[in-house]
Amino acid sequence: MQDAVHKLKEEIASLQTQLAMKRYSGITSDVGGLPESKHLDGSNYSDWKFAMKNYLVDSGLWQCVEGANVDEELDQRALAKINLSIKSCAWAEVRKARTAKEAWDCSADGPILLVV
């Protein structure tokens, strides 16, 4: 009986993860989920930070930035969304980030510098 309950719990957890991933897959409006005009370019940090946080919250991915008990696949989705919301001229500081939290923390102290 305990084996059956354990298997059901595992199956429920798996289905919840699958559902979460399907739920958020169609929300993006442009590459990175933000309109091109909101992508971080080094001069619009405050606007980008506000828009990106709200986009990640709406996508159910903000917990990845907070960094506690994060599902690896969801974290990689959040990291990709952050990276895709940054114009290539501002990639230098986030390029090495391996998690959404690392990418977010790269920009936490202020505007990401432009590479020209």
PDB file of N, CA and C in Angstrom:
ATOM      1  N   MET A   1       0.814  -1.191   0.000  1.00  0.00           N
ATOM      2  CA  MET A   1       0.000   0.000   0.000  1.00  0.00           C
ATOM      3  C   MET A   1       0.866   1.268   0.000  1.00  0.00           C
ATOM      4  N   GLN A   2       1.934   1.257   0.824  1.00  0.00           N
ATOM      5  CA  GLN A   2       2.814   2.426   0.877  1.00  0.00           C
ATOM      6  C   GLN A   2       3.535   2.635  -0.445  1.00  0.00           C
ATOM      7  N   ASP A   3       3.871   1.535  -1.125  1.00  0.00           N
ATOM      8  CA  ASP A   3       4.509   1.656  -2.437  1.00  0.00           C
ATOM      9  C   ASP A   3       3.580   2.335  -3.430  1.00  0.00           C
ATOM     10  N   ALA A   4       2.306   1.964  -3.404  1.00  0.00           N
ATOM     11  CA  ALA A   4       1.329   2.559  -4.313  1.00  0.00           C
ATOM     12  C   ALA A   4       1.164   4.050  -4.020  1.00  0.00           C
ATOM     13  N   VAL A   5       1.118   4.415  -2.753  1.00  0.00           N
ATOM     14  CA  VAL A   5       0.987   5.821  -2.368  1.00  0.00           C
ATOM     15  C   VAL A   5       2.222   6.602  -2.809  1.00  0.00           C
ATOM     16  N   HIS A   6       3.389   6.017  -2.603  1.00  0.00           N
ATOM     17  CA  HIS A   6       4.640   6.664  -3.010  1.00  0.00           C
ATOM     18  C   HIS A   6       4.673   6.883  -4.522  1.00  0.00           C
ATOM     19  N   LYS A   7       4.267   5.872  -5.287  1.00  0.00           N
ATOM     20  CA  LYS A   7       4.249   5.997  -6.749  1.00  0.00           C
ATOM     21  C   LYS A   7       3.268   7.074  -7.187  1.00  0.00           C
ATOM     22  N   LEU A   8       2.106   7.133  -6.533  1.00  0.00           N
ATOM     23  CA  LEU A   8       1.125   8.161  -6.876  1.00  0.00           C
ATOM     24  C   LEU A   8       1.662   9.561  -6.578  1.00  0.00           C
ATOM     25  N   LYS A   9       2.347   9.721  -5.465  1.00  0.00           N
ATOM     26  CA  LYS A   9       2.937  11.018  -5.131  1.00  0.00           C
ATOM     27  C   LYS A   9       3.976  11.428  -6.164  1.00  0.00           C
ATOM     28  N   GLU A  10       4.796  10.480  -6.594  1.00  0.00           N
ATOM     29  CA  GLU A  10       5.796  10.773  -7.626  1.00  0.00           C
ATOM     30  C   GLU A  10       5.130  11.157  -8.937  1.00  0.00           C
ATOM     31  N   GLU A  11       4.074  10.436  -9.286  1.00  0.00           N
ATOM     32  CA  GLU A  11       3.365  10.721 -10.532  1.00  0.00           C
ATOM     33  C   GLU A  11       2.706  12.099 -10.475  1.00  0.00           C
ATOM     34  N   ILE A  12       2.125  12.441  -9.333  1.00  0.00           N
ATOM     35  CA  ILE A  12       1.506  13.757  -9.172  1.00  0.00           C
ATOM     36  C   ILE A  12       2.552  14.859  -9.308  1.00  0.00           C
ATOM     37  N   ALA A  13       3.698  14.679  -8.671  1.00  0.00           N
ATOM     38  CA  ALA A  13       4.772  15.675  -8.768  1.00  0.00           C
ATOM     39  C   ALA A  13       5.231  15.844 -10.209  1.00  0.00           C
ATOM     40  N   SER A  14       5.363  14.733 -10.919  1.00  0.00           N
ATOM     41  CA  SER A  14       5.777  14.782 -12.319  1.00  0.00           C
ATOM     42  C   SER A  14       4.740  15.512 -13.171  1.00  0.00           C
ATOM     43  N   LEU A  15       3.477  15.208 -12.955  1.00  0.00           N
ATOM     44  CA  LEU A  15       2.412  15.862 -13.716  1.00  0.00           C
ATOM     45  C   LEU A  15       2.334  17.356 -13.403  1.00  0.00           C
ATOM     46  N   GLN A  16       2.565  17.731 -12.148  1.00  0.00           N
ATOM     47  CA  GLN A  16       2.557  19.148 -11.787  1.00  0.00           C
ATOM     48  C   GLN A  16       3.674  19.900 -12.499  1.00  0.00           C
ATOM     49  N   THR A  17       4.843  19.288 -12.585  1.00  0.00           N
ATOM     50  CA  THR A  17       5.960  19.913 -13.290  1.00  0.00           C
ATOM     51  C   THR A  17       5.635  20.062 -14.771  1.00  0.00           C
ATOM     52  N   GLN A  18       5.078  19.004 -15.372  1.00  0.00           N
ATOM     53  CA  GLN A  18       4.712  19.062 -16.789  1.00  0.00           C
ATOM     54  C   GLN A  18       3.664  20.140 -17.034  1.00  0.00           C
ATOM     55  N   LEU A  19       2.679  20.224 -16.154  1.00  0.00           N
ATOM     56  CA  LEU A  19       1.632  21.226 -16.296  1.00  0.00           C
ATOM     57  C   LEU A  19       2.199  22.634 -16.179  1.00  0.00           C
ATOM     58  N   ALA A  20       3.083  22.839 -15.229  1.00  0.00           N
ATOM     59  CA  ALA A  20       3.694  24.157 -15.054  1.00  0.00           C
ATOM     60  C   ALA A  20       4.456  24.566 -16.304  1.00  0.00           C
ATOM     61  N   MET A  21       5.166  23.628 -16.900  1.00  0.00           N
ATOM     62  CA  MET A  21       5.951  23.942 -18.091  1.00  0.00           C
ATOM     63  C   MET A  21       5.047  24.235 -19.276  1.00  0.00           C
ATOM     64  N   LYS A  22       3.949  23.527 -19.420  1.00  0.00           N
ATOM     65  CA  LYS A  22       3.021  23.788 -20.523  1.00  0.00           C
ATOM     66  C   LYS A  22       2.303  25.109 -20.318  1.00  0.00           C
ATOM     67  N   ARG A  23       1.958  25.403 -19.089  1.00  0.00           N
ATOM     68  CA  ARG A  23       1.225  26.625 -18.782  1.00  0.00           C
ATOM     69  C   ARG A  23       2.000  27.858 -19.201  1.00  0.00           C
ATOM     70  N   TYR A  24       3.313  27.838 -19.025  1.00  0.00           N
ATOM     71  CA  TYR A  24       4.103  29.031 -19.266  1.00  0.00           C
ATOM     72  C   TYR A  24       4.752  29.069 -20.636  1.00  0.00           C
ATOM     73  N   SER A  25       4.562  28.057 -21.436  1.00  0.00           N
ATOM     74  CA  SER A  25       5.271  28.006 -22.710  1.00  0.00           C
ATOM     75  C   SER A  25       4.723  28.973 -23.748  1.00  0.00           C
ATOM     76  N   GLY A  26       3.487  29.418 -23.637  1.00  0.00           N
ATOM     77  CA  GLY A  26       2.903  30.261 -24.659  1.00  0.00           C
ATOM     78  C   GLY A  26       2.724  31.710 -24.274  1.00  0.00           C
ATOM     79  N   ILE A  27       3.372  32.169 -23.230  1.00  0.00           N
ATOM     80  CA  ILE A  27       3.133  33.509 -22.730  1.00  0.00           C
ATOM     81  C   ILE A  27       3.981  34.572 -23.417  1.00  0.00           C
ATOM     82  N   THR A  28       5.075  34.226 -24.005  1.00  0.00           N
ATOM     83  CA  THR A  28       5.999  35.228 -24.525  1.00  0.00           C
ATOM     84  C   THR A  28       5.388  36.026 -25.664  1.00  0.00           C
ATOM     85  N   SER A  29       5.728  37.308 -25.702  1.00  0.00           N
ATOM     86  CA  SER A  29       5.254  38.168 -26.775  1.00  0.00           C
ATOM     87  C   SER A  29       6.331  38.381 -27.830  1.00  0.00           C
ATOM     88  N   ASP A  30       7.569  38.356 -27.432  1.00  0.00           N
ATOM     89  CA  ASP A  30       8.725  38.483 -28.311  1.00  0.00           C
ATOM     90  C   ASP A  30       9.807  37.575 -27.739  1.00  0.00           C
ATOM     91  N   VAL A  31      10.947  37.525 -28.391  1.00  0.00           N
ATOM     92  CA  VAL A  31      12.056  36.745 -27.848  1.00  0.00           C
ATOM     93  C   VAL A  31      12.370  37.259 -26.456  1.00  0.00           C
ATOM     94  N   GLY A  32      12.459  36.352 -25.505  1.00  0.00           N
ATOM     95  CA  GLY A  32      12.723  36.742 -24.131  1.00  0.00           C
ATOM     96  C   GLY A  32      11.477  37.119 -23.364  1.00  0.00           C
ATOM     97  N   GLY A  33      10.331  37.172 -24.029  1.00  0.00           N
ATOM     98  CA  GLY A  33       9.087  37.444 -23.347  1.00  0.00           C
ATOM     99  C   GLY A  33       8.745  38.906 -23.193  1.00  0.00           C
ATOM    100  N   LEU A  34       9.699  39.774 -23.388  1.00  0.00           N
ATOM    101  CA  LEU A  34       9.449  41.206 -23.281  1.00  0.00           C
ATOM    102  C   LEU A  34       9.471  41.820 -24.670  1.00  0.00           C
ATOM    103  N   PRO A  35       8.688  42.881 -24.875  1.00  0.00           N
ATOM    104  CA  PRO A  35       8.788  43.576 -26.160  1.00  0.00           C
ATOM    105  C   PRO A  35      10.217  44.075 -26.365  1.00  0.00           C
ATOM    106  N   GLU A  36      10.652  44.138 -27.574  1.00  0.00           N
ATOM    107  CA  GLU A  36      12.023  44.571 -27.897  1.00  0.00           C
ATOM    108  C   GLU A  36      12.376  45.891 -27.220  1.00  0.00           C
ATOM    109  N   SER A  37      11.427  46.782 -27.119  1.00  0.00           N
ATOM    110  CA  SER A  37      11.697  48.092 -26.517  1.00  0.00           C
ATOM    111  C   SER A  37      12.031  48.009 -25.030  1.00  0.00           C
ATOM    112  N   LYS A  38      11.708  46.899 -24.383  1.00  0.00           N
ATOM    113  CA  LYS A  38      11.991  46.723 -22.952  1.00  0.00           C
ATOM    114  C   LYS A  38      13.262  45.923 -22.692  1.00  0.00           C
ATOM    115  N   HIS A  39      13.915  45.410 -23.732  1.00  0.00           N
ATOM    116  CA  HIS A  39      15.139  44.633 -23.535  1.00  0.00           C
ATOM    117  C   HIS A  39      16.231  45.522 -22.955  1.00  0.00           C
ATOM    118  N   LEU A  40      17.000  44.963 -22.033  1.00  0.00           N
ATOM    119  CA  LEU A  40      18.069  45.716 -21.381  1.00  0.00           C
ATOM    120  C   LEU A  40      19.158  46.062 -22.388  1.00  0.00           C
ATOM    121  N   ASP A  41      19.470  47.352 -22.471  1.00  0.00           N
ATOM    122  CA  ASP A  41      20.518  47.793 -23.390  1.00  0.00           C
ATOM    123  C   ASP A  41      21.597  48.605 -22.678  1.00  0.00           C
ATOM    124  N   GLY A  42      21.530  48.662 -21.352  1.00  0.00           N
ATOM    125  CA  GLY A  42      22.517  49.410 -20.587  1.00  0.00           C
ATOM    126  C   GLY A  42      22.048  50.794 -20.186  1.00  0.00           C
ATOM    127  N   SER A  43      20.990  51.285 -20.821  1.00  0.00           N
ATOM    128  CA  SER A  43      20.500  52.626 -20.498  1.00  0.00           C
ATOM    129  C   SER A  43      19.115  52.603 -19.860  1.00  0.00           C
ATOM    130  N   ASN A  44      18.507  51.436 -19.765  1.00  0.00           N
ATOM    131  CA  ASN A  44      17.125  51.336 -19.293  1.00  0.00           C
ATOM    132  C   ASN A  44      16.981  50.333 -18.147  1.00  0.00           C
ATOM    133  N   TYR A  45      17.971  50.292 -17.278  1.00  0.00           N
ATOM    134  CA  TYR A  45      18.018  49.275 -16.221  1.00  0.00           C
ATOM    135  C   TYR A  45      16.766  49.247 -15.350  1.00  0.00           C
ATOM    136  N   SER A  46      16.319  50.392 -14.861  1.00  0.00           N
ATOM    137  CA  SER A  46      15.160  50.424 -13.961  1.00  0.00           C
ATOM    138  C   SER A  46      13.908  49.886 -14.633  1.00  0.00           C
ATOM    139  N   ASP A  47      13.677  50.301 -15.879  1.00  0.00           N
ATOM    140  CA  ASP A  47      12.510  49.807 -16.615  1.00  0.00           C
ATOM    141  C   ASP A  47      12.618  48.312 -16.879  1.00  0.00           C
ATOM    142  N   TRP A  48      13.816  47.861 -17.285  1.00  0.00           N
ATOM    143  CA  TRP A  48      14.028  46.436 -17.554  1.00  0.00           C
ATOM    144  C   TRP A  48      13.805  45.606 -16.296  1.00  0.00           C
ATOM    145  N   LYS A  49      14.385  46.030 -15.187  1.00  0.00           N
ATOM    146  CA  LYS A  49      14.267  45.275 -13.939  1.00  0.00           C
ATOM    147  C   LYS A  49      12.802  45.128 -13.532  1.00  0.00           C
ATOM    148  N   PHE A  50      12.044  46.207 -13.619  1.00  0.00           N
ATOM    149  CA  PHE A  50      10.627  46.176 -13.268  1.00  0.00           C
ATOM    150  C   PHE A  50       9.861  45.229 -14.196  1.00  0.00           C
ATOM    151  N   ALA A  51      10.064  45.393 -15.501  1.00  0.00           N
ATOM    152  CA  ALA A  51       9.347  44.567 -16.476  1.00  0.00           C
ATOM    153  C   ALA A  51       9.742  43.101 -16.365  1.00  0.00           C
ATOM    154  N   MET A  52      11.032  42.833 -16.196  1.00  0.00           N
ATOM    155  CA  MET A  52      11.510  41.450 -16.139  1.00  0.00           C
ATOM    156  C   MET A  52      11.015  40.746 -14.890  1.00  0.00           C
ATOM    157  N   LYS A  53      11.042  41.424 -13.755  1.00  0.00           N
ATOM    158  CA  LYS A  53      10.540  40.794 -12.527  1.00  0.00           C
ATOM    159  C   LYS A  53       9.068  40.431 -12.688  1.00  0.00           C
ATOM    160  N   ASN A  54       8.279  41.354 -13.223  1.00  0.00           N
ATOM    161  CA  ASN A  54       6.860  41.075 -13.406  1.00  0.00           C
ATOM    162  C   ASN A  54       6.622  39.965 -14.417  1.00  0.00           C
ATOM    163  N   TYR A  55       7.432  39.922 -15.463  1.00  0.00           N
ATOM    164  CA  TYR A  55       7.306  38.845 -16.446  1.00  0.00           C
ATOM    165  C   TYR A  55       7.609  37.489 -15.804  1.00  0.00           C
ATOM    166  N   LEU A  56       8.676  37.415 -15.011  1.00  0.00           N
ATOM    167  CA  LEU A  56       9.032  36.153 -14.352  1.00  0.00           C
ATOM    168  C   LEU A  56       7.989  35.752 -13.312  1.00  0.00           C
ATOM    169  N   VAL A  57       7.444  36.716 -12.585  1.00  0.00           N
ATOM    170  CA  VAL A  57       6.376  36.412 -11.625  1.00  0.00           C
ATOM    171  C   VAL A  57       5.172  35.847 -12.369  1.00  0.00           C
ATOM    172  N   ASP A  58       4.765  36.510 -13.442  1.00  0.00           N
ATOM    173  CA  ASP A  58       3.615  36.063 -14.227  1.00  0.00           C
ATOM    174  C   ASP A  58       3.844  34.681 -14.828  1.00  0.00           C
ATOM    175  N   SER A  59       5.088  34.377 -15.152  1.00  0.00           N
ATOM    176  CA  SER A  59       5.431  33.078 -15.741  1.00  0.00           C
ATOM    177  C   SER A  59       5.637  31.991 -14.694  1.00  0.00           C
ATOM    178  N   GLY A  60       5.532  32.342 -13.422  1.00  0.00           N
ATOM    179  CA  GLY A  60       5.741  31.363 -12.364  1.00  0.00           C
ATOM    180  C   GLY A  60       7.196  30.987 -12.183  1.00  0.00           C
ATOM    181  N   LEU A  61       8.109  31.879 -12.559  1.00  0.00           N
ATOM    182  CA  LEU A  61       9.539  31.583 -12.527  1.00  0.00           C
ATOM    183  C   LEU A  61      10.323  32.459 -11.553  1.00  0.00           C
ATOM    184  N   TRP A  62       9.663  33.363 -10.864  1.00  0.00           N
ATOM    185  CA  TRP A  62      10.382  34.270  -9.974  1.00  0.00           C
ATOM    186  C   TRP A  62      11.116  33.521  -8.869  1.00  0.00           C
ATOM    187  N   GLN A  63      10.572  32.395  -8.410  1.00  0.00           N
ATOM    188  CA  GLN A  63      11.236  31.630  -7.349  1.00  0.00           C
ATOM    189  C   GLN A  63      12.631  31.193  -7.786  1.00  0.00           C
ATOM    190  N   CYS A  64      12.868  31.093  -9.070  1.00  0.00           N
ATOM    191  CA  CYS A  64      14.202  30.737  -9.566  1.00  0.00           C
ATOM    192  C   CYS A  64      15.208  31.843  -9.253  1.00  0.00           C
ATOM    193  N   VAL A  65      14.784  33.081  -9.349  1.00  0.00           N
ATOM    194  CA  VAL A  65      15.658  34.210  -9.039  1.00  0.00           C
ATOM    195  C   VAL A  65      15.915  34.276  -7.537  1.00  0.00           C
ATOM    196  N   GLU A  66      14.920  33.895  -6.757  1.00  0.00           N
ATOM    197  CA  GLU A  66      15.093  33.888  -5.305  1.00  0.00           C
ATOM    198  C   GLU A  66      16.029  32.772  -4.870  1.00  0.00           C
ATOM    199  N   GLY A  67      16.163  31.729  -5.687  1.00  0.00           N
ATOM    200  CA  GLY A  67      17.189  30.716  -5.501  1.00  0.00           C
ATOM    201  C   GLY A  67      16.956  29.638  -4.467  1.00  0.00           C
ATOM    202  N   ALA A  68      15.769  29.474  -3.935  1.00  0.00           N
ATOM    203  CA  ALA A  68      15.529  28.455  -2.909  1.00  0.00           C
ATOM    204  C   ALA A  68      14.755  27.266  -3.488  1.00  0.00           C
ATOM    205  N   ASN A  69      15.301  26.066  -3.341  1.00  0.00           N
ATOM    206  CA  ASN A  69      14.639  24.831  -3.785  1.00  0.00           C
ATOM    207  C   ASN A  69      14.082  24.953  -5.203  1.00  0.00           C
ATOM    208  N   VAL A  70      14.948  25.233  -6.138  1.00  0.00           N
ATOM    209  CA  VAL A  70      14.545  25.507  -7.512  1.00  0.00           C
ATOM    210  C   VAL A  70      14.667  24.257  -8.373  1.00  0.00           C
ATOM    211  N   ASP A  71      13.614  23.977  -9.134  1.00  0.00           N
ATOM    212  CA  ASP A  71      13.650  22.905 -10.114  1.00  0.00           C
ATOM    213  C   ASP A  71      14.633  23.306 -11.216  1.00  0.00           C
ATOM    214  N   GLU A  72      15.565  22.422 -11.544  1.00  0.00           N
ATOM    215  CA  GLU A  72      16.634  22.768 -12.493  1.00  0.00           C
ATOM    216  C   GLU A  72      16.095  23.159 -13.863  1.00  0.00           C
ATOM    217  N   GLU A  73      15.091  22.453 -14.342  1.00  0.00           N
ATOM    218  CA  GLU A  73      14.549  22.763 -15.671  1.00  0.00           C
ATOM    219  C   GLU A  73      13.857  24.130 -15.676  1.00  0.00           C
ATOM    220  N   LEU A  74      13.095  24.428 -14.626  1.00  0.00           N
ATOM    221  CA  LEU A  74      12.459  25.744 -14.538  1.00  0.00           C
ATOM    222  C   LEU A  74      13.509  26.844 -14.394  1.00  0.00           C
ATOM    223  N   ASP A  75      14.574  26.556 -13.644  1.00  0.00           N
ATOM    224  CA  ASP A  75      15.649  27.531 -13.481  1.00  0.00           C
ATOM    225  C   ASP A  75      16.295  27.847 -14.823  1.00  0.00           C
ATOM    226  N   GLN A  76      16.508  26.838 -15.642  1.00  0.00           N
ATOM    227  CA  GLN A  76      17.109  27.067 -16.953  1.00  0.00           C
ATOM    228  C   GLN A  76      16.178  27.865 -17.852  1.00  0.00           C
ATOM    229  N   ARG A  77      14.871  27.656 -17.704  1.00  0.00           N
ATOM    230  CA  ARG A  77      13.900  28.456 -18.470  1.00  0.00           C
ATOM    231  C   ARG A  77      13.968  29.919 -18.037  1.00  0.00           C
ATOM    232  N   ALA A  78      14.040  30.137 -16.720  1.00  0.00           N
ATOM    233  CA  ALA A  78      14.132  31.510 -16.209  1.00  0.00           C
ATOM    234  C   ALA A  78      15.431  32.167 -16.671  1.00  0.00           C
ATOM    235  N   LEU A  79      16.532  31.422 -16.612  1.00  0.00           N
ATOM    236  CA  LEU A  79      17.822  31.945 -17.068  1.00  0.00           C
ATOM    237  C   LEU A  79      17.749  32.332 -18.540  1.00  0.00           C
ATOM    238  N   ALA A  80      17.151  31.482 -19.351  1.00  0.00           N
ATOM    239  CA  ALA A  80      17.023  31.778 -20.779  1.00  0.00           C
ATOM    240  C   ALA A  80      16.187  33.033 -20.998  1.00  0.00           C
ATOM    241  N   LYS A  81      15.105  33.177 -20.262  1.00  0.00           N
ATOM    242  CA  LYS A  81      14.250  34.357 -20.420  1.00  0.00           C
ATOM    243  C   LYS A  81      14.997  35.635 -20.027  1.00  0.00           C
ATOM    244  N   ILE A  82      15.781  35.549 -18.955  1.00  0.00           N
ATOM    245  CA  ILE A  82      16.583  36.715 -18.560  1.00  0.00           C
ATOM    246  C   ILE A  82      17.599  37.036 -19.651  1.00  0.00           C
ATOM    247  N   ASN A  83      18.340  36.019 -20.098  1.00  0.00           N
ATOM    248  CA  ASN A  83      19.367  36.240 -21.124  1.00  0.00           C
ATOM    249  C   ASN A  83      18.776  36.778 -22.416  1.00  0.00           C
ATOM    250  N   LEU A  84      17.617  36.267 -22.810  1.00  0.00           N
ATOM    251  CA  LEU A  84      16.996  36.704 -24.058  1.00  0.00           C
ATOM    252  C   LEU A  84      16.358  38.086 -23.948  1.00  0.00           C
ATOM    253  N   SER A  85      16.271  38.612 -22.737  1.00  0.00           N
ATOM    254  CA  SER A  85      15.718  39.956 -22.563  1.00  0.00           C
ATOM    255  C   SER A  85      16.821  41.011 -22.475  1.00  0.00           C
ATOM    256  N   ILE A  86      18.050  40.593 -22.724  1.00  0.00           N
ATOM    257  CA  ILE A  86      19.199  41.497 -22.670  1.00  0.00           C
ATOM    258  C   ILE A  86      19.794  41.605 -24.070  1.00  0.00           C
ATOM    259  N   LYS A  87      19.943  42.818 -24.554  1.00  0.00           N
ATOM    260  CA  LYS A  87      20.537  43.001 -25.882  1.00  0.00           C
ATOM    261  C   LYS A  87      21.995  42.567 -25.844  1.00  0.00           C
ATOM    262  N   SER A  88      22.487  42.107 -26.972  1.00  0.00           N
ATOM    263  CA  SER A  88      23.840  41.536 -27.035  1.00  0.00           C
ATOM    264  C   SER A  88      24.918  42.508 -26.563  1.00  0.00           C
ATOM    265  N   CYS A  89      24.697  43.795 -26.701  1.00  0.00           N
ATOM    266  CA  CYS A  89      25.690  44.774 -26.259  1.00  0.00           C
ATOM    267  C   CYS A  89      25.830  44.811 -24.739  1.00  0.00           C
ATOM    268  N   ALA A  90      24.928  44.155 -24.013  1.00  0.00           N
ATOM    269  CA  ALA A  90      24.967  44.160 -22.550  1.00  0.00           C
ATOM    270  C   ALA A  90      25.173  42.759 -21.967  1.00  0.00           C
ATOM    271  N   TRP A  91      25.630  41.813 -22.768  1.00  0.00           N
ATOM    272  CA  TRP A  91      25.785  40.426 -22.322  1.00  0.00           C
ATOM    273  C   TRP A  91      27.008  40.168 -21.454  1.00  0.00           C
ATOM    274  N   ALA A  92      28.000  41.014 -21.486  1.00  0.00           N
ATOM    275  CA  ALA A  92      29.299  40.714 -20.876  1.00  0.00           C
ATOM    276  C   ALA A  92      29.192  40.199 -19.449  1.00  0.00           C
ATOM    277  N   GLU A  93      28.383  40.823 -18.617  1.00  0.00           N
ATOM    278  CA  GLU A  93      28.335  40.452 -17.208  1.00  0.00           C
ATOM    279  C   GLU A  93      27.478  39.226 -16.918  1.00  0.00           C
ATOM    280  N   VAL A  94      26.481  38.951 -17.736  1.00  0.00           N
ATOM    281  CA  VAL A  94      25.594  37.812 -17.453  1.00  0.00           C
ATOM    282  C   VAL A  94      25.974  36.555 -18.226  1.00  0.00           C
ATOM    283  N   ARG A  95      26.876  36.693 -19.139  1.00  0.00           N
ATOM    284  CA  ARG A  95      27.244  35.578 -20.006  1.00  0.00           C
ATOM    285  C   ARG A  95      27.690  34.334 -19.242  1.00  0.00           C
ATOM    286  N   LYS A  96      28.357  34.496 -18.095  1.00  0.00           N
ATOM    287  CA  LYS A  96      28.884  33.361 -17.339  1.00  0.00           C
ATOM    288  C   LYS A  96      27.885  32.784 -16.341  1.00  0.00           C
ATOM    289  N   ALA A  97      26.751  33.405 -16.169  1.00  0.00           N
ATOM    290  CA  ALA A  97      25.759  32.940 -15.196  1.00  0.00           C
ATOM    291  C   ALA A  97      25.243  31.556 -15.579  1.00  0.00           C
ATOM    292  N   ARG A  98      25.141  30.685 -14.594  1.00  0.00           N
ATOM    293  CA  ARG A  98      24.646  29.321 -14.811  1.00  0.00           C
ATOM    294  C   ARG A  98      23.252  29.106 -14.248  1.00  0.00           C
ATOM    295  N   THR A  99      22.781  30.066 -13.442  1.00  0.00           N
ATOM    296  CA  THR A  99      21.439  29.986 -12.875  1.00  0.00           C
ATOM    297  C   THR A  99      20.749  31.337 -13.053  1.00  0.00           C
ATOM    298  N   ALA A 100      19.432  31.326 -12.922  1.00  0.00           N
ATOM    299  CA  ALA A 100      18.675  32.574 -13.021  1.00  0.00           C
ATOM    300  C   ALA A 100      19.100  33.543 -11.921  1.00  0.00           C
ATOM    301  N   LYS A 101      19.333  33.031 -10.733  1.00  0.00           N
ATOM    302  CA  LYS A 101      19.765  33.884  -9.616  1.00  0.00           C
ATOM    303  C   LYS A 101      21.102  34.544  -9.924  1.00  0.00           C
ATOM    304  N   GLU A 102      22.055  33.789 -10.473  1.00  0.00           N
ATOM    305  CA  GLU A 102      23.356  34.366 -10.826  1.00  0.00           C
ATOM    306  C   GLU A 102      23.191  35.472 -11.863  1.00  0.00           C
ATOM    307  N   ALA A 103      22.357  35.244 -12.865  1.00  0.00           N
ATOM    308  CA  ALA A 103      22.139  36.258 -13.901  1.00  0.00           C
ATOM    309  C   ALA A 103      21.491  37.502 -13.306  1.00  0.00           C
ATOM    310  N   TRP A 104      20.506  37.288 -12.447  1.00  0.00           N
ATOM    311  CA  TRP A 104      19.826  38.429 -11.825  1.00  0.00           C
ATOM    312  C   TRP A 104      20.789  39.197 -10.930  1.00  0.00           C
ATOM    313  N   ASP A 105      21.587  38.459 -10.169  1.00  0.00           N
ATOM    314  CA  ASP A 105      22.537  39.101  -9.255  1.00  0.00           C
ATOM    315  C   ASP A 105      23.616  39.881  -9.998  1.00  0.00           C
ATOM    316  N   CYS A 106      23.937  39.481 -11.230  1.00  0.00           N
ATOM    317  CA  CYS A 106      24.911  40.239 -12.034  1.00  0.00           C
ATOM    318  C   CYS A 106      24.442  41.669 -12.228  1.00  0.00           C
ATOM    319  N   SER A 107      23.137  41.853 -12.302  1.00  0.00           N
ATOM    320  CA  SER A 107      22.594  43.182 -12.558  1.00  0.00           C
ATOM    321  C   SER A 107      22.035  43.838 -11.304  1.00  0.00           C
ATOM    322  N   ALA A 108      22.141  43.180 -10.156  1.00  0.00           N
ATOM    323  CA  ALA A 108      21.504  43.691  -8.938  1.00  0.00           C
ATOM    324  C   ALA A 108      22.135  44.975  -8.408  1.00  0.00           C
ATOM    325  N   ASP A 109      23.403  45.192  -8.687  1.00  0.00           N
ATOM    326  CA  ASP A 109      24.080  46.371  -8.156  1.00  0.00           C
ATOM    327  C   ASP A 109      23.923  47.604  -9.028  1.00  0.00           C
ATOM    328  N   GLY A 110      23.263  47.461 -10.150  1.00  0.00           N
ATOM    329  CA  GLY A 110      23.067  48.616 -11.009  1.00  0.00           C
ATOM    330  C   GLY A 110      23.084  48.210 -12.460  1.00  0.00           C
ATOM    331  N   PRO A 111      23.086  49.179 -13.346  1.00  0.00           N
ATOM    332  CA  PRO A 111      23.015  48.899 -14.773  1.00  0.00           C
ATOM    333  C   PRO A 111      24.152  48.009 -15.260  1.00  0.00           C
ATOM    334  N   ILE A 112      23.803  47.096 -16.126  1.00  0.00           N
ATOM    335  CA  ILE A 112      24.803  46.254 -16.772  1.00  0.00           C
ATOM    336  C   ILE A 112      25.555  47.126 -17.773  1.00  0.00           C
ATOM    337  N   LEU A 113      26.860  46.994 -17.791  1.00  0.00           N
ATOM    338  CA  LEU A 113      27.685  47.829 -18.665  1.00  0.00           C
ATOM    339  C   LEU A 113      27.580  47.393 -20.115  1.00  0.00           C
ATOM    340  N   LEU A 114      27.666  48.340 -20.992  1.00  0.00           N
ATOM    341  CA  LEU A 114      27.649  48.058 -22.422  1.00  0.00           C
ATOM    342  C   LEU A 114      29.021  47.637 -22.903  1.00  0.00           C
ATOM    343  N   VAL A 115      29.034  46.719 -23.847  1.00  0.00           N
ATOM    344  CA  VAL A 115      30.271  46.341 -24.517  1.00  0.00           C
ATOM    345  C   VAL A 115      30.221  46.984 -25.892  1.00  0.00           C
ATOM    346  N   VAL A 116      31.158  47.877 -26.151  1.00  0.00           N
ATOM    347  CA  VAL A 116      31.155  48.575 -27.446  1.00  0.00           C
ATOM    348  C   VAL A 116      32.427  48.326 -28.206  1.00  0.00           C
TER     349      VAL A 116
END
